[in-house]
Every structure is written in structure tokens, then in C-alpha cells.
Amino acid sequence: MQTFQLPQLLEKLKVSHRAWLEFLRAGSLSMGVYHLKAGQPDPQQPHTEDEVYYVVSGRASFQAGSEQQTVGQGTLIYVDRDVEHRFFDITEDLTVLVFFAPPEGSLKK
């Protein structure tokens, strides 16, 4: 068993000066925290793995393929592998838990 405390993960992310911190990698999934500041662009590209986002805090819009949705605290988003997607119009600093299955980067294009 492994346990994680979100406040400590957010502090690690903050001192890394990066937007992404992976904190778990197992055989069947990986997990991380993603943080974008208000107005910051989201540079991510489609992933080869299925992905789930859980919005911890903040407000933004999200696009996956041709669909768009406003998201905020408590929103859960599922995105199929290889689908173009990103956050945009980030109006409040955005913190998101991200779950990849299988682990991010484990499948080759």
C-alpha cells in the first residue's frame, strides 16, 4: 500500500518549478499532479494511454476532440487515448490530479 497527502504533493510540485509531478508509477497505471496558472497555455499533446482528470481547484475550459466544457473544482474528465485535448481559458489557477492507464509513456505510437 502507498498513501499520499495532497498538500505535500503540491509543495513538491511548487519547489520543482514545473507544471507536472508524477507521484505514482505502477504496472497498470500512473498518477500525477498538474498545475497551470491563470492565463497559462496548456502545452500537452495527445497521450497513448487513457486518462482521467480530477479538478482539485481552479476554473478553466477543457477541449477533447470537438467537445468543449467548462470545468472547476470536483469535475472528473475521461479522455480516450490519442484524442487531442487541453485546458484553455484558465481563469483561476488550476490544480488537477491525473490518472493514466496504463502508465503514461508506456505505450509506443
C-alpha atoms as a PDB file:
ATOM      1  CA  MET A   1       0.000   0.000   0.000  1.00  0.00           C
ATOM      2  CA  GLN A   2       1.083   3.556  -0.676  1.00  0.00           C
ATOM      3  CA  THR A   3      -0.582   6.690   0.604  1.00  0.00           C
ATOM      4  CA  PHE A   4      -0.134  10.284  -0.475  1.00  0.00           C
ATOM      5  CA  GLN A   5      -1.062  13.615   1.078  1.00  0.00           C
ATOM      6  CA  LEU A   6      -2.133  16.219  -1.449  1.00  0.00           C
ATOM      7  CA  PRO A   7      -0.620  19.175   0.478  1.00  0.00           C
ATOM      8  CA  GLN A   8       2.831  17.522   0.407  1.00  0.00           C
ATOM      9  CA  LEU A   9       2.483  16.662  -3.289  1.00  0.00           C
ATOM     10  CA  LEU A  10       1.551  20.261  -4.067  1.00  0.00           C
ATOM     11  CA  GLU A  11       4.583  21.518  -2.135  1.00  0.00           C
ATOM     12  CA  LYS A  12       6.878  19.165  -4.104  1.00  0.00           C
ATOM     13  CA  LEU A  13       5.319  20.398  -7.321  1.00  0.00           C
ATOM     14  CA  LYS A  14       5.797  24.027  -6.277  1.00  0.00           C
ATOM     15  CA  VAL A  15       9.505  23.664  -5.463  1.00  0.00           C
ATOM     16  CA  SER A  16      10.104  21.747  -8.731  1.00  0.00           C
ATOM     17  CA  HIS A  17       9.099  24.872 -10.737  1.00  0.00           C
ATOM     18  CA  ARG A  18       7.335  22.572 -13.196  1.00  0.00           C
ATOM     19  CA  ALA A  19       3.684  22.116 -14.122  1.00  0.00           C
ATOM     20  CA  TRP A  20       3.725  18.296 -13.793  1.00  0.00           C
ATOM     21  CA  LEU A  21       4.736  15.935 -10.989  1.00  0.00           C
ATOM     22  CA  GLU A  22       4.283  12.193 -11.346  1.00  0.00           C
ATOM     23  CA  PHE A  23       3.974  10.662  -7.880  1.00  0.00           C
ATOM     24  CA  LEU A  24       2.991   7.062  -8.631  1.00  0.00           C
ATOM     25  CA  ARG A  25       4.024   4.596 -11.319  1.00  0.00           C
ATOM     26  CA  ALA A  26       2.748   1.016 -11.075  1.00  0.00           C
ATOM     27  CA  GLY A  27       2.254  -1.809 -13.533  1.00  0.00           C
ATOM     28  CA  SER A  28      -1.241  -0.783 -14.554  1.00  0.00           C
ATOM     29  CA  LEU A  29      -1.393   2.990 -14.002  1.00  0.00           C
ATOM     30  CA  SER A  30       0.440   6.173 -13.166  1.00  0.00           C
ATOM     31  CA  MET A  31      -0.715   9.261 -11.273  1.00  0.00           C
ATOM     32  CA  GLY A  32       0.416  12.839 -11.081  1.00  0.00           C
ATOM     33  CA  VAL A  33      -0.472  16.408 -10.202  1.00  0.00           C
ATOM     34  CA  TYR A  34      -0.754  19.045 -12.948  1.00  0.00           C
ATOM     35  CA  HIS A  35      -0.814  22.764 -12.153  1.00  0.00           C
ATOM     36  CA  LEU A  36      -1.388  25.630 -14.576  1.00  0.00           C
ATOM     37  CA  LYS A  37      -1.562  29.294 -13.581  1.00  0.00           C
ATOM     38  CA  ALA A  38      -4.409  31.538 -14.712  1.00  0.00           C
ATOM     39  CA  GLY A  39      -3.806  32.557 -18.319  1.00  0.00           C
ATOM     40  CA  GLN A  40      -1.056  29.964 -18.854  1.00  0.00           C
ATOM     41  CA  PRO A  41      -1.298  27.862 -22.038  1.00  0.00           C
ATOM     42  CA  ASP A  42      -1.589  24.080 -21.728  1.00  0.00           C
ATOM     43  CA  PRO A  43       1.095  22.568 -23.988  1.00  0.00           C
ATOM     44  CA  GLN A  44       0.135  18.909 -23.645  1.00  0.00           C
ATOM     45  CA  GLN A  45      -0.144  16.618 -26.647  1.00  0.00           C
ATOM     46  CA  PRO A  46      -2.350  13.517 -27.045  1.00  0.00           C
ATOM     47  CA  HIS A  47      -1.278  10.566 -24.919  1.00  0.00           C
ATOM     48  CA  THR A  48      -1.122   6.916 -25.936  1.00  0.00           C
ATOM     49  CA  GLU A  49      -2.888   5.959 -22.691  1.00  0.00           C
ATOM     50  CA  ASP A  50      -6.423   6.519 -21.412  1.00  0.00           C
ATOM     51  CA  GLU A  51      -6.546   9.401 -18.960  1.00  0.00           C
ATOM     52  CA  VAL A  52      -8.741  10.684 -16.134  1.00  0.00           C
ATOM     53  CA  TYR A  53      -8.525  14.198 -14.692  1.00  0.00           C
ATOM     54  CA  TYR A  54      -9.926  15.251 -11.323  1.00  0.00           C
ATOM     55  CA  VAL A  55     -10.019  19.036 -10.896  1.00  0.00           C
ATOM     56  CA  VAL A  56      -8.921  19.781  -7.323  1.00  0.00           C
ATOM     57  CA  SER A  57      -9.205  23.568  -7.657  1.00  0.00           C
ATOM     58  CA  GLY A  58      -9.450  26.349 -10.211  1.00  0.00           C
ATOM     59  CA  ARG A  59     -11.564  27.128 -13.269  1.00  0.00           C
ATOM     60  CA  ALA A  60     -10.930  26.645 -16.964  1.00  0.00           C
ATOM     61  CA  SER A  61     -12.396  25.295 -20.155  1.00  0.00           C
ATOM     62  CA  PHE A  62     -11.424  21.889 -21.496  1.00  0.00           C
ATOM     63  CA  GLN A  63     -11.475  20.613 -25.048  1.00  0.00           C
ATOM     64  CA  ALA A  64     -11.277  16.976 -26.133  1.00  0.00           C
ATOM     65  CA  GLY A  65     -11.689  16.430 -29.861  1.00  0.00           C
ATOM     66  CA  SER A  66     -14.585  18.664 -30.935  1.00  0.00           C
ATOM     67  CA  GLU A  67     -16.182  18.799 -27.460  1.00  0.00           C
ATOM     68  CA  GLN A  68     -15.709  21.695 -25.007  1.00  0.00           C
ATOM     69  CA  GLN A  69     -16.749  22.053 -21.379  1.00  0.00           C
ATOM     70  CA  THR A  70     -16.223  24.492 -18.520  1.00  0.00           C
ATOM     71  CA  VAL A  71     -14.545  22.722 -15.595  1.00  0.00           C
ATOM     72  CA  GLY A  72     -13.997  23.557 -11.944  1.00  0.00           C
ATOM     73  CA  GLN A  73     -13.457  22.019  -8.540  1.00  0.00           C
ATOM     74  CA  GLY A  74     -14.837  18.480  -8.423  1.00  0.00           C
ATOM     75  CA  THR A  75     -15.050  17.940 -12.200  1.00  0.00           C
ATOM     76  CA  LEU A  76     -13.973  14.495 -13.434  1.00  0.00           C
ATOM     77  CA  ILE A  77     -12.938  14.124 -17.093  1.00  0.00           C
ATOM     78  CA  TYR A  78     -12.202  10.936 -19.017  1.00  0.00           C
ATOM     79  CA  VAL A  79     -10.212  11.186 -22.275  1.00  0.00           C
ATOM     80  CA  ASP A  80      -9.595   8.262 -24.643  1.00  0.00           C
ATOM     81  CA  ARG A  81      -6.013   7.604 -25.706  1.00  0.00           C
ATOM     82  CA  ASP A  82      -4.762   9.524 -28.762  1.00  0.00           C
ATOM     83  CA  VAL A  83      -7.517  12.188 -28.539  1.00  0.00           C
ATOM     84  CA  GLU A  84      -6.294  15.793 -28.890  1.00  0.00           C
ATOM     85  CA  HIS A  85      -7.164  17.585 -25.635  1.00  0.00           C
ATOM     86  CA  ARG A  86      -6.156  20.513 -23.417  1.00  0.00           C
ATOM     87  CA  PHE A  87      -7.240  23.053 -20.852  1.00  0.00           C
ATOM     88  CA  PHE A  88      -7.734  26.611 -22.091  1.00  0.00           C
ATOM     89  CA  ASP A  89      -9.131  29.935 -20.872  1.00  0.00           C
ATOM     90  CA  ILE A  90      -7.729  29.203 -17.420  1.00  0.00           C
ATOM     91  CA  THR A  91      -9.379  31.890 -15.285  1.00  0.00           C
ATOM     92  CA  GLU A  92      -8.248  30.610 -11.855  1.00  0.00           C
ATOM     93  CA  ASP A  93      -5.031  28.712 -11.092  1.00  0.00           C
ATOM     94  CA  LEU A  94      -5.818  25.094 -11.961  1.00  0.00           C
ATOM     95  CA  THR A  95      -4.707  22.047  -9.965  1.00  0.00           C
ATOM     96  CA  VAL A  96      -5.611  18.642 -11.364  1.00  0.00           C
ATOM     97  CA  LEU A  97      -4.964  15.041 -10.327  1.00  0.00           C
ATOM     98  CA  VAL A  98      -4.193  12.959 -13.414  1.00  0.00           C
ATOM     99  CA  PHE A  99      -4.537   9.173 -13.754  1.00  0.00           C
ATOM    100  CA  PHE A 100      -3.098   7.277 -16.749  1.00  0.00           C
ATOM    101  CA  ALA A 101      -3.890   3.650 -17.576  1.00  0.00           C
ATOM    102  CA  PRO A 102      -1.577   2.032 -18.434  1.00  0.00           C
ATOM    103  CA  PRO A 103       1.243   4.260 -17.067  1.00  0.00           C
ATOM    104  CA  GLU A 104       1.998   7.418 -19.045  1.00  0.00           C
ATOM    105  CA  GLY A 105       4.509   6.815 -21.807  1.00  0.00           C
ATOM    106  CA  SER A 106       4.349   3.026 -21.530  1.00  0.00           C
ATOM    107  CA  LEU A 107       2.667   2.540 -24.912  1.00  0.00           C
ATOM    108  CA  LYS A 108       4.540   3.483 -28.061  1.00  0.00           C
ATOM    109  CA  LYS A 109       2.902   5.242 -31.003  1.00  0.00           C
END
